[in-house]
Amino acid sequence: MTEEVARAARLLREGRLVAFPTETVYGLGADAASAAAVARLYAAKRRPIDHPVIVHFADAEGAFAWAREVPQAARTLAAKFWPGPLTLILKRSPKAGDFVTGGQDTVGLRVPSHPVAQALLRAFGGAIAAPSANRFGEVSATTAAHVREDLAAEADLVLEGGDSDIGIESTIVDLSGGKAVLLRPGHIGAAELEAALGEKLAAKPADAPRHSGGLERHYAPRTPAQLVAPHELDAEIGRWHAEGSEVAVLAFSRPDERVDFWLRMPKEPVAYAQKLYAALRELDSAGCARILIETPPAEDSWAAVRDRLRRAAA
């Protein structure tokens, strides 16, 4: 792996694209200081140019060099959760060009904990712009095989790192406006953030920065997906069955004999999140008319999973 990481770092310096594992999902990386490399990244993902990317660093010192203002709350969260699945949005320094910020005055910063990501960042010696390694708006990649399915022709190298430990994207907290605002829920929940900060998170304002995963439809399979309340699942399966249409189901309960493609999911939110994208990809390949997804519980611990599913079914 050491030789592969060294090769990946060389490719990044040449302006090429490298997919690599993080603890959340796999990322497609480019030299964050190179407008040409990042342009190639956007083209590979078919990402809108005004949609910012998260920039990855080996440590907090490197990350904060890309911010012109680093409030104490940012340092507190970094000390508690970095390296880890947390992205902080701060006012950008001159190091962060329009081509990574989507033209905004803010930049998203992250220090991943995955050992392969850390090795790559240290070997490269700079910042790596890395959105998820899949087509824009589609289901994220949590294995190297997923990356190759989506971006084999675009990624110059895919670093292996096993299955993603967390399986959904990082928590995003905006600190550019003074108060801490949760923009995207993730493995690190609101309660953990508030405990670390010693205060409540502020409500998300209407003019919050654009950010990864912020569009109404995202993380979506190609097959239309539909959220179904637990008490309505049996009737909804029956309706599609009566029409002669085959459906795939993602649910907590045991399989229904009327359904050929049924994946039973864990009843614990962390385990569910870890399996979610692989499950959606598997059901997406079944060739059914629709994917029916049993709605998860309303508890705060399920907030990140509910966010991903709501956008997948939008």
C-alpha atoms as a PDB file:
ATOM      1  CA  MET A   1       0.000   0.000   0.000  1.00  0.00           C
ATOM      2  CA  THR A   2       2.927   2.365   0.669  1.00  0.00           C
ATOM      3  CA  GLU A   3       3.934   2.242  -3.005  1.00  0.00           C
ATOM      4  CA  GLU A   4       0.330   2.792  -4.116  1.00  0.00           C
ATOM      5  CA  VAL A   5      -0.014   5.806  -1.811  1.00  0.00           C
ATOM      6  CA  ALA A   6       3.235   7.268  -3.161  1.00  0.00           C
ATOM      7  CA  ARG A   7       1.962   6.745  -6.698  1.00  0.00           C
ATOM      8  CA  ALA A   8      -1.360   8.387  -5.780  1.00  0.00           C
ATOM      9  CA  ALA A   9       0.464  11.415  -4.375  1.00  0.00           C
ATOM     10  CA  ARG A  10       2.481  11.724  -7.603  1.00  0.00           C
ATOM     11  CA  LEU A  11      -0.695  11.585  -9.678  1.00  0.00           C
ATOM     12  CA  LEU A  12      -2.296  14.314  -7.588  1.00  0.00           C
ATOM     13  CA  ARG A  13       0.756  16.544  -8.124  1.00  0.00           C
ATOM     14  CA  GLU A  14       0.354  15.972 -11.864  1.00  0.00           C
ATOM     15  CA  GLY A  15      -3.241  17.222 -11.712  1.00  0.00           C
ATOM     16  CA  ARG A  16      -4.789  13.764 -11.967  1.00  0.00           C
ATOM     17  CA  LEU A  17      -7.710  12.272  -9.996  1.00  0.00           C
ATOM     18  CA  VAL A  18      -7.339   9.689  -7.238  1.00  0.00           C
ATOM     19  CA  ALA A  19     -10.176   7.937  -5.404  1.00  0.00           C
ATOM     20  CA  PHE A  20      -9.415   7.031  -1.810  1.00  0.00           C
ATOM     21  CA  PRO A  21     -11.210   5.661   1.252  1.00  0.00           C
ATOM     22  CA  THR A  22     -12.307   7.725   4.209  1.00  0.00           C
ATOM     23  CA  GLU A  23     -14.150   6.600   7.312  1.00  0.00           C
ATOM     24  CA  THR A  24     -17.386   8.056   5.873  1.00  0.00           C
ATOM     25  CA  VAL A  25     -17.476   7.236   2.128  1.00  0.00           C
ATOM     26  CA  TYR A  26     -14.885   7.019  -0.648  1.00  0.00           C
ATOM     27  CA  GLY A  27     -13.771  10.370  -2.039  1.00  0.00           C
ATOM     28  CA  LEU A  28     -12.594  11.403  -5.501  1.00  0.00           C
ATOM     29  CA  GLY A  29      -9.573  13.602  -4.891  1.00  0.00           C
ATOM     30  CA  ALA A  30      -7.795  16.385  -6.749  1.00  0.00           C
ATOM     31  CA  ASP A  31      -5.146  18.941  -5.804  1.00  0.00           C
ATOM     32  CA  ALA A  32      -7.254  21.590  -4.084  1.00  0.00           C
ATOM     33  CA  ALA A  33      -4.768  24.321  -5.058  1.00  0.00           C
ATOM     34  CA  SER A  34      -5.026  23.578  -8.786  1.00  0.00           C
ATOM     35  CA  ALA A  35      -7.892  25.118 -10.732  1.00  0.00           C
ATOM     36  CA  ALA A  36      -7.250  22.757 -13.653  1.00  0.00           C
ATOM     37  CA  ALA A  37      -7.280  19.635 -11.454  1.00  0.00           C
ATOM     38  CA  VAL A  38     -10.459  20.673  -9.672  1.00  0.00           C
ATOM     39  CA  ALA A  39     -12.104  21.470 -13.019  1.00  0.00           C
ATOM     40  CA  ARG A  40     -11.328  17.913 -14.099  1.00  0.00           C
ATOM     41  CA  LEU A  41     -12.842  16.682 -10.827  1.00  0.00           C
ATOM     42  CA  TYR A  42     -16.078  18.596 -11.430  1.00  0.00           C
ATOM     43  CA  ALA A  43     -16.269  17.286 -14.987  1.00  0.00           C
ATOM     44  CA  ALA A  44     -15.733  13.685 -13.853  1.00  0.00           C
ATOM     45  CA  LYS A  45     -18.538  13.900 -11.313  1.00  0.00           C
ATOM     46  CA  ARG A  46     -20.752  16.070 -13.555  1.00  0.00           C
ATOM     47  CA  ARG A  47     -20.997  18.403 -10.589  1.00  0.00           C
ATOM     48  CA  PRO A  48     -22.485  21.926 -10.926  1.00  0.00           C
ATOM     49  CA  ILE A  49     -19.657  24.460 -10.756  1.00  0.00           C
ATOM     50  CA  ASP A  50     -21.407  26.518  -8.061  1.00  0.00           C
ATOM     51  CA  HIS A  51     -21.626  23.521  -5.706  1.00  0.00           C
ATOM     52  CA  PRO A  52     -18.592  23.631  -3.364  1.00  0.00           C
ATOM     53  CA  VAL A  53     -16.375  20.677  -2.505  1.00  0.00           C
ATOM     54  CA  ILE A  54     -14.950  19.733   0.886  1.00  0.00           C
ATOM     55  CA  VAL A  55     -11.194  20.130   1.226  1.00  0.00           C
ATOM     56  CA  HIS A  56      -9.282  17.460   3.165  1.00  0.00           C
ATOM     57  CA  PHE A  57      -6.155  17.886   5.282  1.00  0.00           C
ATOM     58  CA  ALA A  58      -3.816  15.752   7.353  1.00  0.00           C
ATOM     59  CA  ASP A  59      -4.269  17.881  10.481  1.00  0.00           C
ATOM     60  CA  ALA A  60      -6.098  20.868  11.951  1.00  0.00           C
ATOM     61  CA  GLU A  61      -3.126  23.191  11.475  1.00  0.00           C
ATOM     62  CA  GLY A  62      -3.189  22.637   7.740  1.00  0.00           C
ATOM     63  CA  ALA A  63      -6.968  22.959   7.597  1.00  0.00           C
ATOM     64  CA  PHE A  64      -7.146  26.220   9.515  1.00  0.00           C
ATOM     65  CA  ALA A  65      -4.530  27.781   7.222  1.00  0.00           C
ATOM     66  CA  TRP A  66      -7.298  27.794   4.609  1.00  0.00           C
ATOM     67  CA  ALA A  67      -9.555  29.906   6.852  1.00  0.00           C
ATOM     68  CA  ARG A  68      -9.097  33.604   7.542  1.00  0.00           C
ATOM     69  CA  GLU A  69     -11.175  33.453  10.717  1.00  0.00           C
ATOM     70  CA  VAL A  70     -11.020  30.521  13.135  1.00  0.00           C
ATOM     71  CA  PRO A  71     -13.431  31.062  16.030  1.00  0.00           C
ATOM     72  CA  GLN A  72     -12.862  29.286  19.326  1.00  0.00           C
ATOM     73  CA  ALA A  73     -15.864  27.047  18.612  1.00  0.00           C
ATOM     74  CA  ALA A  74     -14.062  25.698  15.538  1.00  0.00           C
ATOM     75  CA  ARG A  75     -10.966  24.901  17.565  1.00  0.00           C
ATOM     76  CA  THR A  76     -13.112  23.227  20.223  1.00  0.00           C
ATOM     77  CA  LEU A  77     -14.861  20.983  17.694  1.00  0.00           C
ATOM     78  CA  ALA A  78     -11.601  20.210  15.895  1.00  0.00           C
ATOM     79  CA  ALA A  79      -9.922  19.198  19.150  1.00  0.00           C
ATOM     80  CA  LYS A  80     -12.847  16.920  19.995  1.00  0.00           C
ATOM     81  CA  PHE A  81     -13.686  15.362  16.610  1.00  0.00           C
ATOM     82  CA  TRP A  82     -10.662  15.640  14.280  1.00  0.00           C
ATOM     83  CA  PRO A  83      -9.431  13.425  12.769  1.00  0.00           C
ATOM     84  CA  GLY A  84     -12.965  12.243  12.142  1.00  0.00           C
ATOM     85  CA  PRO A  85     -16.264  12.589  10.279  1.00  0.00           C
ATOM     86  CA  LEU A  86     -16.765  16.333  10.766  1.00  0.00           C
ATOM     87  CA  THR A  87     -16.611  19.154   8.202  1.00  0.00           C
ATOM     88  CA  LEU A  88     -16.326  22.751   9.411  1.00  0.00           C
ATOM     89  CA  ILE A  89     -17.394  25.645   7.204  1.00  0.00           C
ATOM     90  CA  LEU A  90     -15.381  28.808   7.855  1.00  0.00           C
ATOM     91  CA  LYS A  91     -14.584  32.084   6.145  1.00  0.00           C
ATOM     92  CA  ARG A  92     -12.032  31.236   3.490  1.00  0.00           C
ATOM     93  CA  SER A  93      -8.443  32.446   3.296  1.00  0.00           C
ATOM     94  CA  PRO A  94      -6.739  33.343  -0.021  1.00  0.00           C
ATOM     95  CA  LYS A  95      -5.595  29.706  -0.271  1.00  0.00           C
ATOM     96  CA  ALA A  96      -9.163  28.635  -1.081  1.00  0.00           C
ATOM     97  CA  GLY A  97     -10.017  29.573  -4.645  1.00  0.00           C
ATOM     98  CA  ASP A  98     -13.462  30.108  -6.129  1.00  0.00           C
ATOM     99  CA  PHE A  99     -13.062  26.769  -7.893  1.00  0.00           C
ATOM    100  CA  VAL A 100     -13.400  24.838  -4.601  1.00  0.00           C
ATOM    101  CA  THR A 101     -15.826  27.164  -2.808  1.00  0.00           C
ATOM    102  CA  GLY A 102     -18.401  27.480  -5.575  1.00  0.00           C
ATOM    103  CA  GLY A 103     -17.684  31.208  -5.597  1.00  0.00           C
ATOM    104  CA  GLN A 104     -18.703  31.653  -1.956  1.00  0.00           C
ATOM    105  CA  ASP A 105     -16.729  33.373   0.792  1.00  0.00           C
ATOM    106  CA  THR A 106     -16.628  30.152   2.816  1.00  0.00           C
ATOM    107  CA  VAL A 107     -14.787  26.861   2.575  1.00  0.00           C
ATOM    108  CA  GLY A 108     -15.527  23.379   3.944  1.00  0.00           C
ATOM    109  CA  LEU A 109     -12.601  21.808   5.834  1.00  0.00           C
ATOM    110  CA  ARG A 110     -12.159  18.230   7.034  1.00  0.00           C
ATOM    111  CA  VAL A 111      -9.459  16.045   8.602  1.00  0.00           C
ATOM    112  CA  PRO A 112     -10.367  12.391   7.904  1.00  0.00           C
ATOM    113  CA  SER A 113      -9.326   9.575  10.233  1.00  0.00           C
ATOM    114  CA  HIS A 114      -9.020   6.663   7.782  1.00  0.00           C
ATOM    115  CA  PRO A 115      -5.379   5.473   7.784  1.00  0.00           C
ATOM    116  CA  VAL A 116      -5.185   5.356   3.965  1.00  0.00           C
ATOM    117  CA  ALA A 117      -6.591   8.879   3.672  1.00  0.00           C
ATOM    118  CA  GLN A 118      -4.129  10.078   6.303  1.00  0.00           C
ATOM    119  CA  ALA A 119      -1.215   8.389   4.534  1.00  0.00           C
ATOM    120  CA  LEU A 120      -2.206   9.959   1.216  1.00  0.00           C
ATOM    121  CA  LEU A 121      -2.617  13.451   2.671  1.00  0.00           C
ATOM    122  CA  ARG A 122       0.796  13.262   4.343  1.00  0.00           C
ATOM    123  CA  ALA A 123       2.491  11.863   1.240  1.00  0.00           C
ATOM    124  CA  PHE A 124       0.891  14.532  -0.936  1.00  0.00           C
ATOM    125  CA  GLY A 125       1.761  17.280   1.515  1.00  0.00           C
ATOM    126  CA  GLY A 126      -1.132  19.554   0.584  1.00  0.00           C
ATOM    127  CA  ALA A 127      -4.890  19.924   0.528  1.00  0.00           C
ATOM    128  CA  ILE A 128      -7.079  17.485  -1.405  1.00  0.00           C
ATOM    129  CA  ALA A 129     -10.501  18.500  -2.713  1.00  0.00           C
ATOM    130  CA  ALA A 130     -12.600  15.348  -2.442  1.00  0.00           C
ATOM    131  CA  PRO A 131     -16.348  15.026  -2.882  1.00  0.00           C
ATOM    132  CA  SER A 132     -17.803  11.517  -2.809  1.00  0.00           C
ATOM    133  CA  ALA A 133     -16.490   9.215  -5.537  1.00  0.00           C
ATOM    134  CA  ASN A 134     -19.692   8.806  -7.559  1.00  0.00           C
ATOM    135  CA  ARG A 135     -21.732  10.704 -10.121  1.00  0.00           C
ATOM    136  CA  PHE A 136     -23.188  13.884  -8.681  1.00  0.00           C
ATOM    137  CA  GLY A 137     -26.468  13.330  -6.848  1.00  0.00           C
ATOM    138  CA  GLU A 138     -26.321   9.537  -7.013  1.00  0.00           C
ATOM    139  CA  VAL A 139     -25.643   6.908  -4.345  1.00  0.00           C
ATOM    140  CA  SER A 140     -22.286   7.390  -2.649  1.00  0.00           C
ATOM    141  CA  ALA A 141     -19.508   4.790  -2.847  1.00  0.00           C
ATOM    142  CA  THR A 142     -18.549   2.851   0.275  1.00  0.00           C
ATOM    143  CA  THR A 143     -16.195   0.340  -1.390  1.00  0.00           C
ATOM    144  CA  ALA A 144     -13.502   0.582  -4.039  1.00  0.00           C
ATOM    145  CA  ALA A 145     -15.693  -1.629  -6.253  1.00  0.00           C
ATOM    146  CA  HIS A 146     -18.466   0.990  -6.082  1.00  0.00           C
ATOM    147  CA  VAL A 147     -16.002   3.633  -7.276  1.00  0.00           C
ATOM    148  CA  ARG A 148     -14.951   1.501 -10.228  1.00  0.00           C
ATOM    149  CA  GLU A 149     -18.598   0.879 -11.148  1.00  0.00           C
ATOM    150  CA  ASP A 150     -19.219   4.634 -11.342  1.00  0.00           C
ATOM    151  CA  LEU A 151     -15.927   6.284 -12.277  1.00  0.00           C
ATOM    152  CA  ALA A 152     -13.594   3.675 -13.756  1.00  0.00           C
ATOM    153  CA  ALA A 153     -12.888   5.869 -16.779  1.00  0.00           C
ATOM    154  CA  GLU A 154     -12.374   9.046 -14.758  1.00  0.00           C
ATOM    155  CA  ALA A 155     -10.311   8.000 -11.723  1.00  0.00           C
ATOM    156  CA  ASP A 156      -6.624   7.585 -12.575  1.00  0.00           C
ATOM    157  CA  LEU A 157      -6.166   5.416  -9.486  1.00  0.00           C
ATOM    158  CA  VAL A 158      -8.461   3.890  -6.869  1.00  0.00           C
ATOM    159  CA  LEU A 159      -6.857   3.199  -3.504  1.00  0.00           C
ATOM    160  CA  GLU A 160      -8.256   0.201  -1.655  1.00  0.00           C
ATOM    161  CA  GLY A 161      -9.387   0.643   1.933  1.00  0.00           C
ATOM    162  CA  GLY A 162     -12.100  -1.887   2.603  1.00  0.00           C
ATOM    163  CA  ASP A 163     -15.703  -1.024   3.405  1.00  0.00           C
ATOM    164  CA  SER A 164     -16.301   2.452   4.816  1.00  0.00           C
ATOM    165  CA  ASP A 165     -16.653   2.210   8.599  1.00  0.00           C
ATOM    166  CA  ILE A 166     -19.407   4.829   8.909  1.00  0.00           C
ATOM    167  CA  GLY A 167     -21.027   4.609   5.499  1.00  0.00           C
ATOM    168  CA  ILE A 168     -22.597   8.076   5.244  1.00  0.00           C
ATOM    169  CA  GLU A 169     -21.012  11.468   4.638  1.00  0.00           C
ATOM    170  CA  SER A 170     -19.537  13.738   7.294  1.00  0.00           C
ATOM    171  CA  THR A 171     -21.503  15.977   9.624  1.00  0.00           C
ATOM    172  CA  ILE A 172     -21.273  19.585   8.369  1.00  0.00           C
ATOM    173  CA  VAL A 173     -21.230  22.492  10.837  1.00  0.00           C
ATOM    174  CA  ASP A 174     -21.199  26.106   9.660  1.00  0.00           C
ATOM    175  CA  LEU A 175     -19.260  28.519  11.886  1.00  0.00           C
ATOM    176  CA  SER A 176     -18.858  31.298   9.324  1.00  0.00           C
ATOM    177  CA  GLY A 177     -21.670  33.412  10.758  1.00  0.00           C
ATOM    178  CA  GLY A 178     -20.649  33.406  14.415  1.00  0.00           C
ATOM    179  CA  LYS A 179     -23.031  30.742  15.761  1.00  0.00           C
ATOM    180  CA  ALA A 180     -22.633  27.027  15.141  1.00  0.00           C
ATOM    181  CA  VAL A 181     -25.248  25.750  12.677  1.00  0.00           C
ATOM    182  CA  LEU A 182     -25.765  22.102  11.708  1.00  0.00           C
ATOM    183  CA  LEU A 183     -26.063  21.994   7.907  1.00  0.00           C
ATOM    184  CA  ARG A 184     -25.861  18.236   7.343  1.00  0.00           C
ATOM    185  CA  PRO A 185     -26.398  15.594  10.022  1.00  0.00           C
ATOM    186  CA  GLY A 186     -23.982  12.703  10.169  1.00  0.00           C
ATOM    187  CA  HIS A 187     -22.335  10.201  12.488  1.00  0.00           C
ATOM    188  CA  ILE A 188     -21.612  13.016  14.936  1.00  0.00           C
ATOM    189  CA  GLY A 189     -25.054  14.098  16.100  1.00  0.00           C
ATOM    190  CA  ALA A 190     -26.446  17.411  17.314  1.00  0.00           C
ATOM    191  CA  ALA A 191     -26.343  16.329  20.958  1.00  0.00           C
ATOM    192  CA  GLU A 192     -22.618  15.501  20.733  1.00  0.00           C
ATOM    193  CA  LEU A 193     -21.876  18.841  19.073  1.00  0.00           C
ATOM    194  CA  GLU A 194     -23.816  20.771  21.690  1.00  0.00           C
ATOM    195  CA  ALA A 195     -22.113  18.876  24.513  1.00  0.00           C
ATOM    196  CA  ALA A 196     -18.696  19.759  23.075  1.00  0.00           C
ATOM    197  CA  LEU A 197     -19.610  23.424  22.548  1.00  0.00           C
ATOM    198  CA  GLY A 198     -21.481  23.845  25.813  1.00  0.00           C
ATOM    199  CA  GLU A 199     -24.363  25.556  24.026  1.00  0.00           C
ATOM    200  CA  LYS A 200     -27.246  24.901  21.676  1.00  0.00           C
ATOM    201  CA  LEU A 201     -26.794  24.900  17.924  1.00  0.00           C
ATOM    202  CA  ALA A 202     -28.388  27.819  16.104  1.00  0.00           C
ATOM    203  CA  ALA A 203     -31.242  27.345  13.643  1.00  0.00           C
ATOM    204  CA  LYS A 204     -30.243  27.028  10.000  1.00  0.00           C
ATOM    205  CA  PRO A 205     -30.742  30.428   8.316  1.00  0.00           C
ATOM    206  CA  ALA A 206     -32.289  30.866   4.894  1.00  0.00           C
ATOM    207  CA  ASP A 207     -28.993  32.217   3.547  1.00  0.00           C
ATOM    208  CA  ALA A 208     -26.790  29.382   4.846  1.00  0.00           C
ATOM    209  CA  PRO A 209     -23.800  28.561   2.626  1.00  0.00           C
ATOM    210  CA  ARG A 210     -24.298  26.073  -0.177  1.00  0.00           C
ATOM    211  CA  HIS A 211     -22.763  22.789   0.883  1.00  0.00           C
ATOM    212  CA  SER A 212     -22.281  19.162  -0.099  1.00  0.00           C
ATOM    213  CA  GLY A 213     -25.468  17.139   0.172  1.00  0.00           C
ATOM    214  CA  GLY A 214     -27.605  20.263   0.449  1.00  0.00           C
ATOM    215  CA  LEU A 215     -29.816  19.775  -2.596  1.00  0.00           C
ATOM    216  CA  GLU A 216     -33.341  18.458  -2.189  1.00  0.00           C
ATOM    217  CA  ARG A 217     -32.569  15.341  -4.275  1.00  0.00           C
ATOM    218  CA  HIS A 218     -29.274  13.632  -3.514  1.00  0.00           C
ATOM    219  CA  TYR A 219     -27.810  10.188  -2.681  1.00  0.00           C
ATOM    220  CA  ALA A 220     -30.424   8.860  -5.104  1.00  0.00           C
ATOM    221  CA  PRO A 221     -30.618   5.485  -6.866  1.00  0.00           C
ATOM    222  CA  ARG A 222     -31.609   5.468 -10.537  1.00  0.00           C
ATOM    223  CA  THR A 223     -34.704   3.437  -9.666  1.00  0.00           C
ATOM    224  CA  PRO A 224     -37.415   5.713  -8.193  1.00  0.00           C
ATOM    225  CA  ALA A 225     -37.422   5.355  -4.419  1.00  0.00           C
ATOM    226  CA  GLN A 226     -40.337   5.914  -2.064  1.00  0.00           C
ATOM    227  CA  LEU A 227     -40.431   6.239   1.716  1.00  0.00           C
ATOM    228  CA  VAL A 228     -43.283   4.246   3.240  1.00  0.00           C
ATOM    229  CA  ALA A 229     -44.502   4.353   6.847  1.00  0.00           C
ATOM    230  CA  PRO A 230     -44.185   0.977   8.603  1.00  0.00           C
ATOM    231  CA  HIS A 231     -47.945   0.554   8.980  1.00  0.00           C
ATOM    232  CA  GLU A 232     -48.473   1.280   5.258  1.00  0.00           C
ATOM    233  CA  LEU A 233     -45.771  -1.001   3.835  1.00  0.00           C
ATOM    234  CA  ASP A 234     -47.958  -4.102   3.448  1.00  0.00           C
ATOM    235  CA  ALA A 235     -50.674  -2.172   1.602  1.00  0.00           C
ATOM    236  CA  GLU A 236     -48.155  -0.409  -0.653  1.00  0.00           C
ATOM    237  CA  ILE A 237     -46.555  -3.727  -1.618  1.00  0.00           C
ATOM    238  CA  GLY A 238     -50.029  -5.061  -2.353  1.00  0.00           C
ATOM    239  CA  ARG A 239     -50.868  -2.094  -4.574  1.00  0.00           C
ATOM    240  CA  TRP A 240     -47.764  -2.552  -6.739  1.00  0.00           C
ATOM    241  CA  HIS A 241     -48.251  -6.335  -6.794  1.00  0.00           C
ATOM    242  CA  ALA A 242     -51.840  -5.902  -7.994  1.00  0.00           C
ATOM    243  CA  GLU A 243     -50.597  -3.723 -10.844  1.00  0.00           C
ATOM    244  CA  GLY A 244     -48.156  -6.435 -11.894  1.00  0.00           C
ATOM    245  CA  SER A 245     -45.131  -4.272 -11.069  1.00  0.00           C
ATOM    246  CA  GLU A 246     -42.117  -5.680  -9.276  1.00  0.00           C
ATOM    247  CA  VAL A 247     -40.770  -3.707  -6.338  1.00  0.00           C
ATOM    248  CA  ALA A 248     -37.621  -3.918  -4.248  1.00  0.00           C
ATOM    249  CA  VAL A 249     -37.909  -3.324  -0.508  1.00  0.00           C
ATOM    250  CA  LEU A 250     -35.574  -1.978   2.167  1.00  0.00           C
ATOM    251  CA  ALA A 251     -37.130  -2.652   5.547  1.00  0.00           C
ATOM    252  CA  PHE A 252     -36.668  -3.692   9.166  1.00  0.00           C
ATOM    253  CA  SER A 253     -39.186  -6.525   8.989  1.00  0.00           C
ATOM    254  CA  ARG A 254     -38.965 -10.035   7.578  1.00  0.00           C
ATOM    255  CA  PRO A 255     -39.343 -10.499   3.797  1.00  0.00           C
ATOM    256  CA  ASP A 256     -42.782 -10.633   2.210  1.00  0.00           C
ATOM    257  CA  GLU A 257     -43.311 -13.608  -0.107  1.00  0.00           C
ATOM    258  CA  ARG A 258     -44.725 -11.257  -2.769  1.00  0.00           C
ATOM    259  CA  VAL A 259     -41.349  -9.486  -3.052  1.00  0.00           C
ATOM    260  CA  ASP A 260     -38.302 -11.076  -4.728  1.00  0.00           C
ATOM    261  CA  PHE A 261     -35.838  -8.320  -3.826  1.00  0.00           C
ATOM    262  CA  TRP A 262     -35.990  -7.559  -0.112  1.00  0.00           C
ATOM    263  CA  LEU A 263     -33.133  -6.425   2.122  1.00  0.00           C
ATOM    264  CA  ARG A 264     -33.658  -6.504   5.860  1.00  0.00           C
ATOM    265  CA  MET A 265     -31.858  -3.641   7.616  1.00  0.00           C
ATOM    266  CA  PRO A 266     -30.474  -3.346  11.170  1.00  0.00           C
ATOM    267  CA  LYS A 267     -32.676  -1.709  13.791  1.00  0.00           C
ATOM    268  CA  GLU A 268     -29.730   0.303  15.134  1.00  0.00           C
ATOM    269  CA  PRO A 269     -28.921   3.605  13.345  1.00  0.00           C
ATOM    270  CA  VAL A 270     -25.114   3.286  13.196  1.00  0.00           C
ATOM    271  CA  ALA A 271     -25.295  -0.222  11.708  1.00  0.00           C
ATOM    272  CA  TYR A 272     -28.072   0.888   9.332  1.00  0.00           C
ATOM    273  CA  ALA A 273     -26.001   3.829   8.083  1.00  0.00           C
ATOM    274  CA  GLN A 274     -22.987   1.609   7.478  1.00  0.00           C
ATOM    275  CA  LYS A 275     -25.024  -0.694   5.219  1.00  0.00           C
ATOM    276  CA  LEU A 276     -27.298   1.890   3.592  1.00  0.00           C
ATOM    277  CA  TYR A 277     -25.543   2.818   0.349  1.00  0.00           C
ATOM    278  CA  ALA A 278     -24.463  -0.725  -0.476  1.00  0.00           C
ATOM    279  CA  ALA A 279     -28.077  -1.813   0.061  1.00  0.00           C
ATOM    280  CA  LEU A 280     -29.448   0.931  -2.191  1.00  0.00           C
ATOM    281  CA  ARG A 281     -26.964  -0.010  -4.906  1.00  0.00           C
ATOM    282  CA  GLU A 282     -27.923  -3.675  -4.662  1.00  0.00           C
ATOM    283  CA  LEU A 283     -31.647  -2.940  -4.939  1.00  0.00           C
ATOM    284  CA  ASP A 284     -31.019  -0.432  -7.717  1.00  0.00           C
ATOM    285  CA  SER A 285     -29.517  -3.236  -9.803  1.00  0.00           C
ATOM    286  CA  ALA A 286     -32.587  -5.454  -9.390  1.00  0.00           C
ATOM    287  CA  GLY A 287     -34.420  -3.870 -12.320  1.00  0.00           C
ATOM    288  CA  CYS A 288     -37.617  -3.198 -10.387  1.00  0.00           C
ATOM    289  CA  ALA A 289     -40.160  -0.459 -11.014  1.00  0.00           C
ATOM    290  CA  ARG A 290     -39.640   1.096  -7.582  1.00  0.00           C
ATOM    291  CA  ILE A 291     -37.698   0.794  -4.344  1.00  0.00           C
ATOM    292  CA  LEU A 292     -39.923   0.943  -1.249  1.00  0.00           C
ATOM    293  CA  ILE A 293     -38.070   2.073   1.882  1.00  0.00           C
ATOM    294  CA  GLU A 294     -39.578   1.592   5.327  1.00  0.00           C
ATOM    295  CA  THR A 295     -39.345   4.941   7.122  1.00  0.00           C
ATOM    296  CA  PRO A 296     -36.904   4.838  10.062  1.00  0.00           C
ATOM    297  CA  PRO A 297     -37.884   5.944  13.580  1.00  0.00           C
ATOM    298  CA  ALA A 298     -38.252   9.648  14.368  1.00  0.00           C
ATOM    299  CA  GLU A 299     -35.666   9.639  17.169  1.00  0.00           C
ATOM    300  CA  ASP A 300     -32.719  12.067  16.986  1.00  0.00           C
ATOM    301  CA  SER A 301     -30.291   9.151  16.655  1.00  0.00           C
ATOM    302  CA  TRP A 302     -31.783   8.420  13.209  1.00  0.00           C
ATOM    303  CA  ALA A 303     -31.530  12.026  11.929  1.00  0.00           C
ATOM    304  CA  ALA A 304     -28.628  11.399   9.547  1.00  0.00           C
ATOM    305  CA  VAL A 305     -30.202   8.280   8.053  1.00  0.00           C
ATOM    306  CA  ARG A 306     -33.553  10.047   7.635  1.00  0.00           C
ATOM    307  CA  ASP A 307     -31.802  12.945   5.889  1.00  0.00           C
ATOM    308  CA  ARG A 308     -30.157  10.629   3.347  1.00  0.00           C
ATOM    309  CA  LEU A 309     -33.332   8.668   2.704  1.00  0.00           C
ATOM    310  CA  ARG A 310     -35.517  11.759   2.352  1.00  0.00           C
ATOM    311  CA  ARG A 311     -33.210  13.155  -0.308  1.00  0.00           C
ATOM    312  CA  ALA A 312     -32.824   9.782  -2.030  1.00  0.00           C
ATOM    313  CA  ALA A 313     -36.602   9.573  -2.383  1.00  0.00           C
ATOM    314  CA  ALA A 314     -37.219  13.237  -3.251  1.00  0.00           C
END
